[in-house]
Amino acid sequence: MSSVESEASRHARETEPVTVDLERKALFAARVAAQAKGLSLSEWLSRVAWEQAVAEAAETSAEQYRLHPDEPPGWADSALDRVFGQDAA
């Protein structure tokens, strides 16, 4: 018997409630940006956090490559695949 997962069930499985403290101006700007994109504040913050985390991981990876440029052939490509190969949503 095949069951179809509801959107609410999938969302609950893929998210985790957290409490954060934001500066008022940052919160205001985030709300405006989320509204402009047609997203909830939670969705917008999650996307921005993911994008920033990926960017910082790529930067760290690039720094490590500069420190150790003699990795085996193809290592850099597989490292980038590991960093960027994951889907955010």
PDB file of N, CA and C in Angstrom:
ATOM      1  N   MET A   1       0.845  -1.173   0.000  1.00  0.00           N
ATOM      2  CA  MET A   1       0.000   0.000   0.000  1.00  0.00           C
ATOM      3  C   MET A   1       0.893   1.241   0.000  1.00  0.00           C
ATOM      4  N   SER A   2       0.663   2.128  -0.909  1.00  0.00           N
ATOM      5  CA  SER A   2       1.467   3.340  -1.047  1.00  0.00           C
ATOM      6  C   SER A   2       0.822   4.475  -0.277  1.00  0.00           C
ATOM      7  N   SER A   3       1.645   5.214   0.473  1.00  0.00           N
ATOM      8  CA  SER A   3       1.090   6.357   1.183  1.00  0.00           C
ATOM      9  C   SER A   3       1.753   7.620   0.663  1.00  0.00           C
ATOM     10  N   VAL A   4       1.000   8.666   0.577  1.00  0.00           N
ATOM     11  CA  VAL A   4       1.493   9.948   0.110  1.00  0.00           C
ATOM     12  C   VAL A   4       1.682  10.837   1.327  1.00  0.00           C
ATOM     13  N   GLU A   5       2.892  11.346   1.469  1.00  0.00           N
ATOM     14  CA  GLU A   5       3.205  12.194   2.613  1.00  0.00           C
ATOM     15  C   GLU A   5       2.627  13.590   2.385  1.00  0.00           C
ATOM     16  N   SER A   6       1.963  14.108   3.411  1.00  0.00           N
ATOM     17  CA  SER A   6       1.404  15.450   3.283  1.00  0.00           C
ATOM     18  C   SER A   6       2.507  16.496   3.367  1.00  0.00           C
ATOM     19  N   GLU A   7       2.249  17.655   2.805  1.00  0.00           N
ATOM     20  CA  GLU A   7       3.206  18.768   2.845  1.00  0.00           C
ATOM     21  C   GLU A   7       3.511  19.150   4.294  1.00  0.00           C
ATOM     22  N   ALA A   8       2.512  19.178   5.144  1.00  0.00           N
ATOM     23  CA  ALA A   8       2.713  19.528   6.555  1.00  0.00           C
ATOM     24  C   ALA A   8       3.596  18.492   7.243  1.00  0.00           C
ATOM     25  N   SER A   9       3.382  17.219   6.931  1.00  0.00           N
ATOM     26  CA  SER A   9       4.188  16.150   7.532  1.00  0.00           C
ATOM     27  C   SER A   9       5.634  16.239   7.068  1.00  0.00           C
ATOM     28  N   ARG A  10       5.854  16.489   5.777  1.00  0.00           N
ATOM     29  CA  ARG A  10       7.203  16.621   5.237  1.00  0.00           C
ATOM     30  C   ARG A  10       7.897  17.816   5.865  1.00  0.00           C
ATOM     31  N   HIS A  11       7.174  18.938   5.972  1.00  0.00           N
ATOM     32  CA  HIS A  11       7.747  20.151   6.556  1.00  0.00           C
ATOM     33  C   HIS A  11       8.138  19.912   8.017  1.00  0.00           C
ATOM     34  N   ALA A  12       7.296  19.243   8.761  1.00  0.00           N
ATOM     35  CA  ALA A  12       7.589  18.969  10.173  1.00  0.00           C
ATOM     36  C   ALA A  12       8.815  18.074  10.316  1.00  0.00           C
ATOM     37  N   ARG A  13       8.980  17.139   9.405  1.00  0.00           N
ATOM     38  CA  ARG A  13      10.122  16.233   9.443  1.00  0.00           C
ATOM     39  C   ARG A  13      11.418  16.948   9.069  1.00  0.00           C
ATOM     40  N   GLU A  14      11.348  17.935   8.188  1.00  0.00           N
ATOM     41  CA  GLU A  14      12.533  18.601   7.670  1.00  0.00           C
ATOM     42  C   GLU A  14      12.909  19.874   8.416  1.00  0.00           C
ATOM     43  N   THR A  15      12.140  20.267   9.396  1.00  0.00           N
ATOM     44  CA  THR A  15      12.433  21.495  10.125  1.00  0.00           C
ATOM     45  C   THR A  15      12.605  21.208  11.607  1.00  0.00           C
ATOM     46  N   GLU A  16      13.183  22.164  12.280  1.00  0.00           N
ATOM     47  CA  GLU A  16      13.368  22.066  13.727  1.00  0.00           C
ATOM     48  C   GLU A  16      13.121  23.443  14.331  1.00  0.00           C
ATOM     49  N   PRO A  17      12.243  23.535  15.304  1.00  0.00           N
ATOM     50  CA  PRO A  17      11.996  24.840  15.911  1.00  0.00           C
ATOM     51  C   PRO A  17      13.215  25.309  16.707  1.00  0.00           C
ATOM     52  N   VAL A  18      13.545  26.585  16.560  1.00  0.00           N
ATOM     53  CA  VAL A  18      14.650  27.181  17.293  1.00  0.00           C
ATOM     54  C   VAL A  18      14.232  28.563  17.781  1.00  0.00           C
ATOM     55  N   THR A  19      14.961  29.057  18.752  1.00  0.00           N
ATOM     56  CA  THR A  19      14.758  30.410  19.231  1.00  0.00           C
ATOM     57  C   THR A  19      16.030  31.186  18.957  1.00  0.00           C
ATOM     58  N   VAL A  20      15.892  32.332  18.328  1.00  0.00           N
ATOM     59  CA  VAL A  20      17.051  33.173  18.041  1.00  0.00           C
ATOM     60  C   VAL A  20      16.768  34.599  18.495  1.00  0.00           C
ATOM     61  N   ASP A  21      17.815  35.306  18.829  1.00  0.00           N
ATOM     62  CA  ASP A  21      17.716  36.725  19.142  1.00  0.00           C
ATOM     63  C   ASP A  21      18.318  37.499  17.986  1.00  0.00           C
ATOM     64  N   LEU A  22      17.535  38.408  17.414  1.00  0.00           N
ATOM     65  CA  LEU A  22      18.000  39.223  16.300  1.00  0.00           C
ATOM     66  C   LEU A  22      17.919  40.694  16.683  1.00  0.00           C
ATOM     67  N   GLU A  23      18.847  41.464  16.143  1.00  0.00           N
ATOM     68  CA  GLU A  23      18.743  42.908  16.296  1.00  0.00           C
ATOM     69  C   GLU A  23      17.456  43.354  15.620  1.00  0.00           C
ATOM     70  N   ARG A  24      16.815  44.377  16.163  1.00  0.00           N
ATOM     71  CA  ARG A  24      15.541  44.840  15.601  1.00  0.00           C
ATOM     72  C   ARG A  24      15.661  45.220  14.135  1.00  0.00           C
ATOM     73  N   LYS A  25      16.743  45.921  13.778  1.00  0.00           N
ATOM     74  CA  LYS A  25      16.886  46.341  12.385  1.00  0.00           C
ATOM     75  C   LYS A  25      17.088  45.139  11.467  1.00  0.00           C
ATOM     76  N   ALA A  26      17.779  44.104  11.941  1.00  0.00           N
ATOM     77  CA  ALA A  26      17.966  42.892  11.139  1.00  0.00           C
ATOM     78  C   ALA A  26      16.638  42.170  10.967  1.00  0.00           C
ATOM     79  N   LEU A  27      15.854  42.097  12.031  1.00  0.00           N
ATOM     80  CA  LEU A  27      14.551  41.440  11.952  1.00  0.00           C
ATOM     81  C   LEU A  27      13.625  42.194  11.003  1.00  0.00           C
ATOM     82  N   PHE A  28      13.616  43.516  11.102  1.00  0.00           N
ATOM     83  CA  PHE A  28      12.788  44.321  10.201  1.00  0.00           C
ATOM     84  C   PHE A  28      13.188  44.073   8.747  1.00  0.00           C
ATOM     85  N   ALA A  29      14.487  44.132   8.475  1.00  0.00           N
ATOM     86  CA  ALA A  29      14.972  43.924   7.106  1.00  0.00           C
ATOM     87  C   ALA A  29      14.630  42.521   6.609  1.00  0.00           C
ATOM     88  N   ALA A  30      14.752  41.522   7.474  1.00  0.00           N
ATOM     89  CA  ALA A  30      14.433  40.145   7.098  1.00  0.00           C
ATOM     90  C   ALA A  30      12.952  39.994   6.775  1.00  0.00           C
ATOM     91  N   ARG A  31      12.104  40.604   7.577  1.00  0.00           N
ATOM     92  CA  ARG A  31      10.660  40.530   7.308  1.00  0.00           C
ATOM     93  C   ARG A  31      10.318  41.160   5.963  1.00  0.00           C
ATOM     94  N   VAL A  32      10.916  42.321   5.675  1.00  0.00           N
ATOM     95  CA  VAL A  32      10.660  43.004   4.407  1.00  0.00           C
ATOM     96  C   VAL A  32      11.147  42.138   3.240  1.00  0.00           C
ATOM     97  N   ALA A  33      12.350  41.577   3.372  1.00  0.00           N
ATOM     98  CA  ALA A  33      12.898  40.740   2.311  1.00  0.00           C
ATOM     99  C   ALA A  33      12.055  39.486   2.099  1.00  0.00           C
ATOM    100  N   ALA A  34      11.623  38.863   3.188  1.00  0.00           N
ATOM    101  CA  ALA A  34      10.785  37.664   3.082  1.00  0.00           C
ATOM    102  C   ALA A  34       9.470  37.987   2.380  1.00  0.00           C
ATOM    103  N   GLN A  35       8.864  39.096   2.775  1.00  0.00           N
ATOM    104  CA  GLN A  35       7.600  39.487   2.154  1.00  0.00           C
ATOM    105  C   GLN A  35       7.791  39.762   0.667  1.00  0.00           C
ATOM    106  N   ALA A  36       8.886  40.405   0.319  1.00  0.00           N
ATOM    107  CA  ALA A  36       9.162  40.712  -1.093  1.00  0.00           C
ATOM    108  C   ALA A  36       9.308  39.440  -1.921  1.00  0.00           C
ATOM    109  N   LYS A  37       9.807  38.366  -1.315  1.00  0.00           N
ATOM    110  CA  LYS A  37       9.970  37.088  -2.006  1.00  0.00           C
ATOM    111  C   LYS A  37       8.736  36.197  -1.907  1.00  0.00           C
ATOM    112  N   GLY A  38       7.744  36.643  -1.134  1.00  0.00           N
ATOM    113  CA  GLY A  38       6.541  35.833  -0.956  1.00  0.00           C
ATOM    114  C   GLY A  38       6.759  34.640  -0.046  1.00  0.00           C
ATOM    115  N   LEU A  39       7.711  34.770   0.874  1.00  0.00           N
ATOM    116  CA  LEU A  39       8.037  33.685   1.801  1.00  0.00           C
ATOM    117  C   LEU A  39       7.680  34.085   3.223  1.00  0.00           C
ATOM    118  N   SER A  40       7.501  33.071   4.056  1.00  0.00           N
ATOM    119  CA  SER A  40       7.365  33.357   5.484  1.00  0.00           C
ATOM    120  C   SER A  40       8.741  33.764   6.007  1.00  0.00           C
ATOM    121  N   LEU A  41       8.761  34.426   7.133  1.00  0.00           N
ATOM    122  CA  LEU A  41      10.036  34.809   7.739  1.00  0.00           C
ATOM    123  C   LEU A  41      10.877  33.570   8.006  1.00  0.00           C
ATOM    124  N   SER A  42      10.258  32.515   8.488  1.00  0.00           N
ATOM    125  CA  SER A  42      10.960  31.269   8.773  1.00  0.00           C
ATOM    126  C   SER A  42      11.597  30.690   7.508  1.00  0.00           C
ATOM    127  N   GLU A  43      10.828  30.645   6.420  1.00  0.00           N
ATOM    128  CA  GLU A  43      11.364  30.116   5.154  1.00  0.00           C
ATOM    129  C   GLU A  43      12.530  30.966   4.668  1.00  0.00           C
ATOM    130  N   TRP A  44      12.384  32.280   4.744  1.00  0.00           N
ATOM    131  CA  TRP A  44      13.429  33.178   4.270  1.00  0.00           C
ATOM    132  C   TRP A  44      14.699  33.024   5.104  1.00  0.00           C
ATOM    133  N   LEU A  45      14.557  33.002   6.425  1.00  0.00           N
ATOM    134  CA  LEU A  45      15.725  32.838   7.304  1.00  0.00           C
ATOM    135  C   LEU A  45      16.415  31.500   7.040  1.00  0.00           C
ATOM    136  N   SER A  46      15.634  30.460   6.828  1.00  0.00           N
ATOM    137  CA  SER A  46      16.211  29.148   6.557  1.00  0.00           C
ATOM    138  C   SER A  46      17.013  29.167   5.259  1.00  0.00           C
ATOM    139  N   ARG A  47      16.465  29.761   4.217  1.00  0.00           N
ATOM    140  CA  ARG A  47      17.179  29.848   2.934  1.00  0.00           C
ATOM    141  C   ARG A  47      18.463  30.659   3.060  1.00  0.00           C
ATOM    142  N   VAL A  48      18.370  31.796   3.741  1.00  0.00           N
ATOM    143  CA  VAL A  48      19.551  32.654   3.890  1.00  0.00           C
ATOM    144  C   VAL A  48      20.620  31.944   4.719  1.00  0.00           C
ATOM    145  N   ALA A  49      20.212  31.253   5.765  1.00  0.00           N
ATOM    146  CA  ALA A  49      21.174  30.512   6.590  1.00  0.00           C
ATOM    147  C   ALA A  49      21.857  29.430   5.756  1.00  0.00           C
ATOM    148  N   TRP A  50      21.085  28.709   4.937  1.00  0.00           N
ATOM    149  CA  TRP A  50      21.655  27.663   4.080  1.00  0.00           C
ATOM    150  C   TRP A  50      22.642  28.265   3.084  1.00  0.00           C
ATOM    151  N   GLU A  51      22.237  29.337   2.408  1.00  0.00           N
ATOM    152  CA  GLU A  51      23.103  29.973   1.414  1.00  0.00           C
ATOM    153  C   GLU A  51      24.407  30.460   2.050  1.00  0.00           C
ATOM    154  N   GLN A  52      24.311  31.050   3.227  1.00  0.00           N
ATOM    155  CA  GLN A  52      25.507  31.546   3.911  1.00  0.00           C
ATOM    156  C   GLN A  52      26.400  30.386   4.340  1.00  0.00           C
ATOM    157  N   ALA A  53      25.803  29.318   4.839  1.00  0.00           N
ATOM    158  CA  ALA A  53      26.585  28.156   5.262  1.00  0.00           C
ATOM    159  C   ALA A  53      27.324  27.532   4.086  1.00  0.00           C
ATOM    160  N   VAL A  54      26.666  27.425   2.938  1.00  0.00           N
ATOM    161  CA  VAL A  54      27.309  26.865   1.746  1.00  0.00           C
ATOM    162  C   VAL A  54      28.445  27.769   1.286  1.00  0.00           C
ATOM    163  N   ALA A  55      28.209  29.070   1.287  1.00  0.00           N
ATOM    164  CA  ALA A  55      29.249  30.012   0.870  1.00  0.00           C
ATOM    165  C   ALA A  55      30.466  29.925   1.789  1.00  0.00           C
ATOM    166  N   GLU A  56      30.232  29.841   3.083  1.00  0.00           N
ATOM    167  CA  GLU A  56      31.352  29.751   4.020  1.00  0.00           C
ATOM    168  C   GLU A  56      32.073  28.409   3.913  1.00  0.00           C
ATOM    169  N   ALA A  57      31.331  27.339   3.649  1.00  0.00           N
ATOM    170  CA  ALA A  57      31.973  26.036   3.450  1.00  0.00           C
ATOM    171  C   ALA A  57      32.845  26.065   2.205  1.00  0.00           C
ATOM    172  N   ALA A  58      32.365  26.710   1.152  1.00  0.00           N
ATOM    173  CA  ALA A  58      33.150  26.817  -0.079  1.00  0.00           C
ATOM    174  C   ALA A  58      34.408  27.644   0.164  1.00  0.00           C
ATOM    175  N   GLU A  59      34.267  28.713   0.928  1.00  0.00           N
ATOM    176  CA  GLU A  59      35.426  29.549   1.241  1.00  0.00           C
ATOM    177  C   GLU A  59      36.456  28.771   2.055  1.00  0.00           C
ATOM    178  N   THR A  60      35.994  28.035   3.040  1.00  0.00           N
ATOM    179  CA  THR A  60      36.892  27.209   3.850  1.00  0.00           C
ATOM    180  C   THR A  60      37.576  26.153   2.990  1.00  0.00           C
ATOM    181  N   SER A  61      36.809  25.545   2.092  1.00  0.00           N
ATOM    182  CA  SER A  61      37.376  24.536   1.206  1.00  0.00           C
ATOM    183  C   SER A  61      38.454  25.153   0.316  1.00  0.00           C
ATOM    184  N   ALA A  62      38.181  26.340  -0.210  1.00  0.00           N
ATOM    185  CA  ALA A  62      39.165  27.019  -1.060  1.00  0.00           C
ATOM    186  C   ALA A  62      40.417  27.364  -0.261  1.00  0.00           C
ATOM    187  N   GLU A  63      40.246  27.790   0.978  1.00  0.00           N
ATOM    188  CA  GLU A  63      41.403  28.105   1.828  1.00  0.00           C
ATOM    189  C   GLU A  63      42.230  26.849   2.087  1.00  0.00           C
ATOM    190  N   GLN A  64      41.560  25.751   2.346  1.00  0.00           N
ATOM    191  CA  GLN A  64      42.267  24.488   2.585  1.00  0.00           C
ATOM    192  C   GLN A  64      43.017  24.053   1.328  1.00  0.00           C
ATOM    193  N   TYR A  65      42.411  24.260   0.163  1.00  0.00           N
ATOM    194  CA  TYR A  65      43.069  23.894  -1.087  1.00  0.00           C
ATOM    195  C   TYR A  65      44.335  24.720  -1.282  1.00  0.00           C
ATOM    196  N   ARG A  66      44.259  26.017  -0.947  1.00  0.00           N
ATOM    197  CA  ARG A  66      45.447  26.859  -1.085  1.00  0.00           C
ATOM    198  C   ARG A  66      46.555  26.409  -0.136  1.00  0.00           C
ATOM    199  N   LEU A  67      46.162  25.875   1.024  1.00  0.00           N
ATOM    200  CA  LEU A  67      47.154  25.396   1.984  1.00  0.00           C
ATOM    201  C   LEU A  67      47.748  24.055   1.559  1.00  0.00           C
ATOM    202  N   HIS A  68      46.953  23.233   0.853  1.00  0.00           N
ATOM    203  CA  HIS A  68      47.369  21.887   0.462  1.00  0.00           C
ATOM    204  C   HIS A  68      47.072  21.660  -1.017  1.00  0.00           C
ATOM    205  N   PRO A  69      47.825  22.313  -1.911  1.00  0.00           N
ATOM    206  CA  PRO A  69      47.496  22.221  -3.343  1.00  0.00           C
ATOM    207  C   PRO A  69      47.863  20.891  -3.996  1.00  0.00           C
ATOM    208  N   ASP A  70      48.491  19.981  -3.276  1.00  0.00           N
ATOM    209  CA  ASP A  70      48.959  18.739  -3.894  1.00  0.00           C
ATOM    210  C   ASP A  70      48.043  17.542  -3.630  1.00  0.00           C
ATOM    211  N   GLU A  71      46.733  17.784  -3.536  1.00  0.00           N
ATOM    212  CA  GLU A  71      45.813  16.680  -3.329  1.00  0.00           C
ATOM    213  C   GLU A  71      45.787  15.790  -4.572  1.00  0.00           C
ATOM    214  N   PRO A  72      45.296  14.582  -4.419  1.00  0.00           N
ATOM    215  CA  PRO A  72      45.206  13.662  -5.559  1.00  0.00           C
ATOM    216  C   PRO A  72      44.337  14.249  -6.677  1.00  0.00           C
ATOM    217  N   PRO A  73      44.577  13.841  -7.926  1.00  0.00           N
ATOM    218  CA  PRO A  73      43.778  14.342  -9.046  1.00  0.00           C
ATOM    219  C   PRO A  73      42.288  14.107  -8.817  1.00  0.00           C
ATOM    220  N   GLY A  74      41.504  15.131  -9.100  1.00  0.00           N
ATOM    221  CA  GLY A  74      40.054  15.015  -8.948  1.00  0.00           C
ATOM    222  C   GLY A  74      39.536  15.307  -7.552  1.00  0.00           C
ATOM    223  N   TRP A  75      40.430  15.456  -6.587  1.00  0.00           N
ATOM    224  CA  TRP A  75      39.987  15.685  -5.210  1.00  0.00           C
ATOM    225  C   TRP A  75      39.209  16.978  -5.088  1.00  0.00           C
ATOM    226  N   ALA A  76      39.696  18.056  -5.712  1.00  0.00           N
ATOM    227  CA  ALA A  76      39.029  19.359  -5.608  1.00  0.00           C
ATOM    228  C   ALA A  76      37.614  19.278  -6.181  1.00  0.00           C
ATOM    229  N   ASP A  77      37.450  18.610  -7.324  1.00  0.00           N
ATOM    230  CA  ASP A  77      36.124  18.477  -7.922  1.00  0.00           C
ATOM    231  C   ASP A  77      35.186  17.683  -7.026  1.00  0.00           C
ATOM    232  N   SER A  78      35.676  16.605  -6.436  1.00  0.00           N
ATOM    233  CA  SER A  78      34.801  15.818  -5.565  1.00  0.00           C
ATOM    234  C   SER A  78      34.467  16.597  -4.298  1.00  0.00           C
ATOM    235  N   ALA A  79      35.401  17.420  -3.816  1.00  0.00           N
ATOM    236  CA  ALA A  79      35.119  18.248  -2.635  1.00  0.00           C
ATOM    237  C   ALA A  79      34.028  19.264  -2.960  1.00  0.00           C
ATOM    238  N   LEU A  80      34.110  19.902  -4.127  1.00  0.00           N
ATOM    239  CA  LEU A  80      33.075  20.849  -4.521  1.00  0.00           C
ATOM    240  C   LEU A  80      31.731  20.147  -4.705  1.00  0.00           C
ATOM    241  N   ASP A  81      31.744  18.936  -5.252  1.00  0.00           N
ATOM    242  CA  ASP A  81      30.515  18.168  -5.385  1.00  0.00           C
ATOM    243  C   ASP A  81      29.894  17.894  -4.016  1.00  0.00           C
ATOM    244  N   ARG A  82      30.747  17.583  -3.036  1.00  0.00           N
ATOM    245  CA  ARG A  82      30.225  17.335  -1.687  1.00  0.00           C
ATOM    246  C   ARG A  82      29.634  18.608  -1.094  1.00  0.00           C
ATOM    247  N   VAL A  83      30.257  19.746  -1.322  1.00  0.00           N
ATOM    248  CA  VAL A  83      29.766  20.999  -0.749  1.00  0.00           C
ATOM    249  C   VAL A  83      28.499  21.457  -1.459  1.00  0.00           C
ATOM    250  N   PHE A  84      28.523  21.459  -2.802  1.00  0.00           N
ATOM    251  CA  PHE A  84      27.421  22.027  -3.555  1.00  0.00           C
ATOM    252  C   PHE A  84      26.411  21.004  -4.041  1.00  0.00           C
ATOM    253  N   GLY A  85      26.671  19.729  -3.839  1.00  0.00           N
ATOM    254  CA  GLY A  85      25.790  18.695  -4.364  1.00  0.00           C
ATOM    255  C   GLY A  85      24.550  18.455  -3.540  1.00  0.00           C
ATOM    256  N   GLN A  86      24.433  19.113  -2.407  1.00  0.00           N
ATOM    257  CA  GLN A  86      23.255  18.917  -1.557  1.00  0.00           C
ATOM    258  C   GLN A  86      22.212  19.964  -1.882  1.00  0.00           C
ATOM    259  N   ASP A  87      20.979  19.523  -1.972  1.00  0.00           N
ATOM    260  CA  ASP A  87      19.883  20.421  -2.294  1.00  0.00           C
ATOM    261  C   ASP A  87      19.352  21.080  -1.034  1.00  0.00           C
ATOM    262  N   ALA A  88      19.133  22.370  -1.093  1.00  0.00           N
ATOM    263  CA  ALA A  88      18.678  23.129   0.073  1.00  0.00           C
ATOM    264  C   ALA A  88      17.211  22.909   0.381  1.00  0.00           C
ATOM    265  N   ALA A  89      16.405  22.658  -0.604  1.00  0.00           N
ATOM    266  CA  ALA A  89      14.983  22.539  -0.340  1.00  0.00           C
ATOM    267  C   ALA A  89      14.378  21.369  -1.049  1.00  0.00           C
TER     268      ALA A  89
END
